[in-house]
Amino acid sequence: MKRLFLFTCLATTLLACSDNDEVYYPVTQQLQQALYDLYPEAQDVEWGSTVGYLVADFVLPATDLLYAEAEAWFTPSAVWQMTSRDITYSSLPEAVTRAFELSAYGAATVEDVERIDRLDAMTIYVITIDRTRQPDISVFYTAEGVLIEELQEDGYDDFRRYLPSTLPTQIAAYLTRNYPTATVLALERRKGATEVDVLDGRQVRQIYFDAMNRWGLTRTELQQSELPALITLAIDNLYREYTIDDAALIDSPDGEYYLIEVESSAGQSTLRISTEGEVL
């Protein structure tokens, strides 16, 4: 369980301390009651805050673990939004363990396993892998074993991008038109732009919008086995021996192309290849 912005507030009035000096929310009786209504066995509770949310950091008794660390996110009006908590590897859904063990990380040492429960949204499972002399890496799965993302711990923030969010009207309308059956996984706003991650069937798509909520680009993550033969042939023509580290189909206003990150004896390279197999 990662701890990045929670601090115990030592003050005569119970407040939630913040990672932002300008944000302090009172920990009201209503808020504390909301936590204990959900988790009556919560112990060692500490409250923290970030813009728009209060976060309870606590411990739960566990059958398979000595204890289970947890974080529960609430609005200032005490509406629960999300909880992440430690679980055991053996308690993962079978589809998740199967997908993980068939992945490139299947033989790695598992350091931590967490479950993320969210208001009116699907549960997400996170497996953190210990890597010697490299940053740990976390892999995120749906209960059906679909890989959502991989994240190195040195770039780790927290789970806030998975908080339930209300989409701007223009973005919601775009998704309804173009991906009517997709489920929103995460939303993140950075420097005026918005990234919305959706699960479309079993495909994960990262869809980017500008500050005016206009569509700018869609990135669809692909497994190597999903690449067309003419794309792998184009890579073969450049590199005799290579490993594909990452592959995606990019849809932009200028058209579609494949973005491939490869590693070979020549080093690491990023390739842009047209849908006709031409290296751009």
Protein backbone atom coordinates (compact mmCIF):
# COMPACT_ATOMS: atom_id res chain seq x y z
CA MET A 1 0.00 0.00 0.00
CA LYS A 2 1.47 3.34 -1.04
CA ARG A 3 1.37 6.40 1.19
CA LEU A 4 2.01 9.66 -0.61
CA PHE A 5 -0.03 12.51 0.74
CA LEU A 6 -1.63 11.44 4.01
CA PHE A 7 -0.43 13.14 7.16
CA THR A 8 -1.69 12.99 10.72
CA CYS A 9 -3.00 16.36 11.85
CA LEU A 10 -1.93 17.31 15.36
CA ALA A 11 -4.30 20.10 16.24
CA THR A 12 -6.94 20.85 18.84
CA THR A 13 -9.62 20.82 16.13
CA LEU A 14 -9.82 17.61 14.12
CA LEU A 15 -8.82 18.51 10.58
CA ALA A 16 -7.55 16.51 7.64
CA CYS A 17 -4.06 17.63 6.74
CA SER A 18 -3.28 18.12 3.09
CA ASP A 19 -0.60 17.85 0.47
CA ASN A 20 -1.70 21.35 -0.52
CA ASP A 21 -1.26 24.05 2.14
CA GLU A 22 -4.43 25.78 0.94
CA VAL A 23 -6.72 22.76 1.34
CA TYR A 24 -7.98 21.73 4.79
CA TYR A 25 -11.29 20.01 5.40
CA PRO A 26 -12.86 19.39 8.81
CA VAL A 27 -13.28 15.73 9.71
CA THR A 28 -16.91 15.96 10.76
CA GLN A 29 -18.84 13.47 12.85
CA GLN A 30 -20.85 12.70 9.72
CA LEU A 31 -17.67 11.83 7.86
CA GLN A 32 -16.35 9.61 10.64
CA GLN A 33 -19.71 7.87 10.88
CA ALA A 34 -19.70 7.26 7.11
CA LEU A 35 -16.35 5.52 7.45
CA TYR A 36 -17.46 3.29 10.33
CA ASP A 37 -20.74 2.49 8.62
CA LEU A 38 -18.70 1.01 5.77
CA TYR A 39 -15.85 -0.39 7.85
CA PRO A 40 -16.96 -0.91 11.47
CA GLU A 41 -13.70 -2.74 12.25
CA ALA A 42 -11.44 0.10 11.04
CA GLN A 43 -8.49 0.74 13.35
CA ASP A 44 -5.66 3.30 13.57
CA VAL A 45 -7.59 5.79 11.44
CA GLU A 46 -5.72 8.84 10.13
CA TRP A 47 -7.33 11.46 7.94
CA GLY A 48 -5.73 13.34 5.09
CA SER A 49 -7.03 15.57 2.33
CA THR A 50 -6.38 16.54 -1.23
CA VAL A 51 -8.31 18.93 -3.45
CA GLY A 52 -11.95 17.86 -3.37
CA TYR A 53 -11.58 14.78 -1.15
CA LEU A 54 -10.88 13.53 2.35
CA VAL A 55 -9.03 10.24 2.63
CA ALA A 56 -9.09 7.87 5.60
CA ASP A 57 -5.96 5.77 6.02
CA PHE A 58 -6.71 2.80 8.28
CA VAL A 59 -6.15 -0.87 9.07
CA LEU A 60 -8.65 -3.72 8.88
CA PRO A 61 -8.43 -7.14 10.54
CA ALA A 62 -7.84 -9.80 7.90
CA THR A 63 -8.11 -13.57 7.83
CA ASP A 64 -5.25 -14.25 5.43
CA LEU A 65 -3.07 -11.25 6.33
CA LEU A 66 -1.70 -10.07 9.64
CA TYR A 67 -3.52 -6.86 8.85
CA ALA A 68 -4.85 -5.11 5.73
CA GLU A 69 -4.01 -1.49 5.06
CA ALA A 70 -6.74 0.50 3.37
CA GLU A 71 -7.59 3.96 2.07
CA ALA A 72 -11.15 5.22 1.67
CA TRP A 73 -11.93 8.38 -0.29
CA PHE A 74 -14.91 10.62 0.58
CA THR A 75 -16.27 13.94 -0.61
CA PRO A 76 -16.32 16.70 2.04
CA SER A 77 -20.06 15.99 2.37
CA ALA A 78 -19.21 12.40 3.46
CA VAL A 79 -20.17 10.56 0.25
CA TRP A 80 -17.93 7.52 -0.23
CA GLN A 81 -16.16 7.37 -3.60
CA MET A 82 -13.45 4.70 -3.58
CA THR A 83 -11.48 2.31 -1.37
CA SER A 84 -8.17 0.60 -2.03
CA ARG A 85 -7.15 -2.19 0.33
CA ASP A 86 -4.55 -4.93 0.62
CA ILE A 87 -5.67 -8.43 -0.29
CA THR A 88 -3.86 -11.73 -0.71
CA TYR A 89 -2.78 -13.07 -4.09
CA SER A 90 -4.90 -16.17 -3.49
CA SER A 91 -8.05 -14.03 -3.18
CA LEU A 92 -7.69 -12.57 -6.69
CA PRO A 93 -10.32 -13.63 -9.23
CA GLU A 94 -9.18 -16.66 -11.22
CA ALA A 95 -9.23 -14.67 -14.47
CA VAL A 96 -6.78 -12.16 -12.99
CA THR A 97 -4.28 -14.74 -11.73
CA ARG A 98 -4.47 -16.61 -15.03
CA ALA A 99 -3.81 -13.44 -17.06
CA PHE A 100 -0.99 -12.38 -14.76
CA GLU A 101 0.73 -15.78 -14.74
CA LEU A 102 0.60 -15.91 -18.55
CA SER A 103 2.09 -12.43 -18.82
CA ALA A 104 5.75 -11.43 -19.01
CA TYR A 105 5.64 -10.88 -15.23
CA GLY A 106 4.22 -14.27 -14.32
CA ALA A 107 7.45 -15.56 -12.77
CA ALA A 108 8.26 -12.31 -10.94
CA THR A 109 8.11 -11.79 -7.18
CA VAL A 110 4.77 -10.30 -6.13
CA GLU A 111 5.28 -7.59 -3.53
CA ASP A 112 1.75 -6.32 -2.99
CA VAL A 113 -1.82 -6.99 -4.15
CA GLU A 114 -4.65 -4.46 -3.84
CA ARG A 115 -8.32 -4.22 -4.72
CA ILE A 116 -9.91 -0.92 -5.72
CA ASP A 117 -13.66 -0.67 -5.12
CA ARG A 118 -15.42 2.37 -6.58
CA LEU A 119 -18.84 4.00 -6.43
CA ASP A 120 -20.96 2.76 -9.35
CA ALA A 121 -17.87 1.52 -11.22
CA MET A 122 -16.07 -1.78 -11.80
CA THR A 123 -13.59 -3.17 -9.30
CA ILE A 124 -9.91 -3.03 -10.29
CA TYR A 125 -7.10 -5.29 -9.07
CA VAL A 126 -3.48 -4.13 -8.78
CA ILE A 127 -0.47 -6.44 -8.56
CA THR A 128 2.85 -4.81 -7.66
CA ILE A 129 5.98 -6.63 -8.76
CA ASP A 130 9.35 -6.40 -7.04
CA ARG A 131 12.19 -5.82 -9.51
CA THR A 132 15.81 -5.94 -8.35
CA ARG A 133 17.73 -2.73 -9.08
CA GLN A 134 14.77 -1.39 -11.06
CA PRO A 135 11.62 0.50 -10.03
CA ASP A 136 8.79 -1.77 -8.97
CA ILE A 137 5.98 -2.05 -11.48
CA SER A 138 2.23 -2.25 -10.89
CA VAL A 139 -0.15 -3.96 -13.30
CA PHE A 140 -3.88 -3.18 -13.23
CA TYR A 141 -6.57 -5.69 -14.20
CA THR A 142 -10.33 -5.88 -14.42
CA ALA A 143 -12.04 -8.81 -12.69
CA GLU A 144 -12.22 -10.49 -16.12
CA GLY A 145 -8.42 -10.42 -16.43
CA VAL A 146 -8.15 -7.54 -18.91
CA LEU A 147 -4.87 -5.64 -18.47
CA ILE A 148 -5.70 -1.95 -18.04
CA GLU A 149 -2.26 -0.42 -17.56
CA GLU A 150 1.29 -0.95 -16.34
CA LEU A 151 2.85 1.71 -14.15
CA GLN A 152 6.40 2.03 -12.82
CA GLU A 153 6.52 2.99 -9.17
CA ASP A 154 8.93 5.87 -9.77
CA GLY A 155 6.11 7.48 -11.76
CA TYR A 156 3.46 6.42 -9.26
CA ASP A 157 1.01 8.99 -7.97
CA ASP A 158 -2.01 7.33 -6.36
CA PHE A 159 -5.34 5.93 -7.47
CA ARG A 160 -7.10 9.28 -7.82
CA ARG A 161 -7.45 8.94 -11.60
CA TYR A 162 -9.75 5.99 -10.90
CA LEU A 163 -12.12 8.07 -8.79
CA PRO A 164 -15.68 8.21 -10.17
CA SER A 165 -16.00 11.36 -12.26
CA THR A 166 -18.69 13.22 -14.15
CA LEU A 167 -17.64 13.67 -17.77
CA PRO A 168 -18.05 17.06 -19.44
CA THR A 169 -21.10 17.02 -21.73
CA GLN A 170 -19.07 17.31 -24.93
CA ILE A 171 -16.76 14.44 -23.99
CA ALA A 172 -19.68 12.25 -22.88
CA ALA A 173 -21.41 12.90 -26.21
CA TYR A 174 -18.27 11.96 -28.16
CA LEU A 175 -17.94 8.67 -26.29
CA THR A 176 -21.62 7.85 -26.82
CA ARG A 177 -21.29 8.46 -30.57
CA ASN A 178 -18.01 6.64 -31.12
CA TYR A 179 -17.82 4.00 -28.37
CA PRO A 180 -21.44 3.42 -27.29
CA THR A 181 -20.74 0.18 -25.41
CA ALA A 182 -17.47 1.28 -23.76
CA THR A 183 -17.07 1.62 -19.99
CA VAL A 184 -15.15 4.55 -18.54
CA LEU A 185 -12.21 3.31 -16.47
CA ALA A 186 -10.37 6.47 -15.49
CA LEU A 187 -10.22 10.18 -16.08
CA GLU A 188 -7.28 12.52 -15.68
CA ARG A 189 -6.93 16.23 -16.34
CA ARG A 190 -3.49 17.70 -16.97
CA LYS A 191 -2.61 21.23 -18.07
CA GLY A 192 -6.10 21.82 -19.41
CA ALA A 193 -6.27 18.60 -21.41
CA THR A 194 -8.31 15.53 -20.45
CA GLU A 195 -7.45 11.86 -20.82
CA VAL A 196 -10.31 9.36 -20.59
CA ASP A 197 -9.46 5.65 -20.46
CA VAL A 198 -12.25 3.34 -21.57
CA LEU A 199 -12.73 -0.40 -21.82
CA ASP A 200 -14.29 -1.16 -25.21
CA GLY A 201 -15.02 -4.87 -25.19
CA ARG A 202 -11.58 -6.14 -24.16
CA GLN A 203 -9.70 -3.24 -25.74
CA VAL A 204 -8.32 -0.46 -23.57
CA ARG A 205 -8.42 2.93 -25.30
CA GLN A 206 -6.87 6.17 -24.06
CA ILE A 207 -8.80 9.08 -25.53
CA TYR A 208 -7.39 12.61 -25.34
CA PHE A 209 -9.31 15.89 -25.49
CA ASP A 210 -8.04 19.48 -25.54
CA ALA A 211 -8.93 22.29 -23.14
CA MET A 212 -12.14 22.91 -25.10
CA ASN A 213 -13.11 19.22 -24.73
CA ARG A 214 -12.51 18.58 -28.42
CA TRP A 215 -11.22 15.15 -29.43
CA GLY A 216 -7.54 15.11 -30.31
CA LEU A 217 -6.29 11.52 -30.37
CA THR A 218 -7.18 7.94 -29.44
CA ARG A 219 -4.56 5.38 -28.42
CA THR A 220 -5.61 1.72 -28.41
CA GLU A 221 -3.22 -0.56 -26.56
CA LEU A 222 -2.33 -3.76 -28.45
CA GLN A 223 -0.64 -7.03 -27.66
CA GLN A 224 2.05 -8.19 -30.09
CA SER A 225 -0.26 -10.99 -31.25
CA GLU A 226 -2.82 -8.36 -32.29
CA LEU A 227 -0.49 -6.61 -34.73
CA PRO A 228 -1.20 -7.21 -38.44
CA ALA A 229 1.41 -9.29 -40.29
CA LEU A 230 2.50 -6.39 -42.48
CA ILE A 231 3.37 -4.36 -39.35
CA THR A 232 5.57 -7.09 -37.87
CA LEU A 233 7.11 -7.53 -41.33
CA ALA A 234 8.00 -3.83 -41.43
CA ILE A 235 9.77 -4.22 -38.08
CA ASP A 236 11.55 -7.38 -39.30
CA ASN A 237 12.94 -5.40 -42.22
CA LEU A 238 14.59 -2.93 -39.82
CA TYR A 239 15.71 -5.23 -36.99
CA ARG A 240 16.82 -8.84 -37.21
CA GLU A 241 16.24 -9.49 -33.55
CA TYR A 242 13.90 -7.36 -31.52
CA THR A 243 11.51 -7.33 -28.62
CA ILE A 244 8.33 -5.29 -28.74
CA ASP A 245 8.05 -3.38 -25.48
CA ASP A 246 4.82 -1.58 -26.32
CA ALA A 247 2.39 -1.39 -29.22
CA ALA A 248 -0.58 0.85 -29.91
CA LEU A 249 -2.86 1.93 -32.72
CA ILE A 250 -3.08 5.71 -32.88
CA ASP A 251 -6.16 7.37 -34.37
CA SER A 252 -5.64 11.10 -34.98
CA PRO A 253 -7.27 13.79 -37.12
CA ASP A 254 -4.51 13.08 -39.67
CA GLY A 255 -5.29 9.37 -39.85
CA GLU A 256 -4.29 6.10 -38.23
CA TYR A 257 -0.83 4.65 -37.61
CA TYR A 258 0.88 2.16 -35.34
CA LEU A 259 3.26 3.35 -32.63
CA ILE A 260 5.70 0.59 -31.69
CA GLU A 261 8.45 0.64 -29.07
CA VAL A 262 11.11 -1.99 -29.76
CA GLU A 263 14.36 -3.10 -28.18
CA SER A 264 17.07 -4.85 -30.15
CA SER A 265 20.84 -5.24 -30.31
CA ALA A 266 20.83 -1.79 -31.92
CA GLY A 267 19.19 -0.28 -28.84
CA GLN A 268 15.71 1.06 -28.16
CA SER A 269 13.62 2.68 -30.87
CA THR A 270 10.13 4.05 -31.34
CA LEU A 271 8.59 3.39 -34.75
CA ARG A 272 5.61 4.98 -36.48
CA ILE A 273 4.22 2.64 -39.10
CA SER A 274 1.27 3.39 -41.38
CA THR A 275 -1.64 0.98 -41.62
CA GLU A 276 -0.15 0.00 -45.02
CA GLY A 277 3.12 -1.07 -43.37
CA GLU A 278 5.19 1.97 -44.37
CA VAL A 279 7.65 3.26 -41.76
CA LEU A 280 6.91 6.96 -41.30
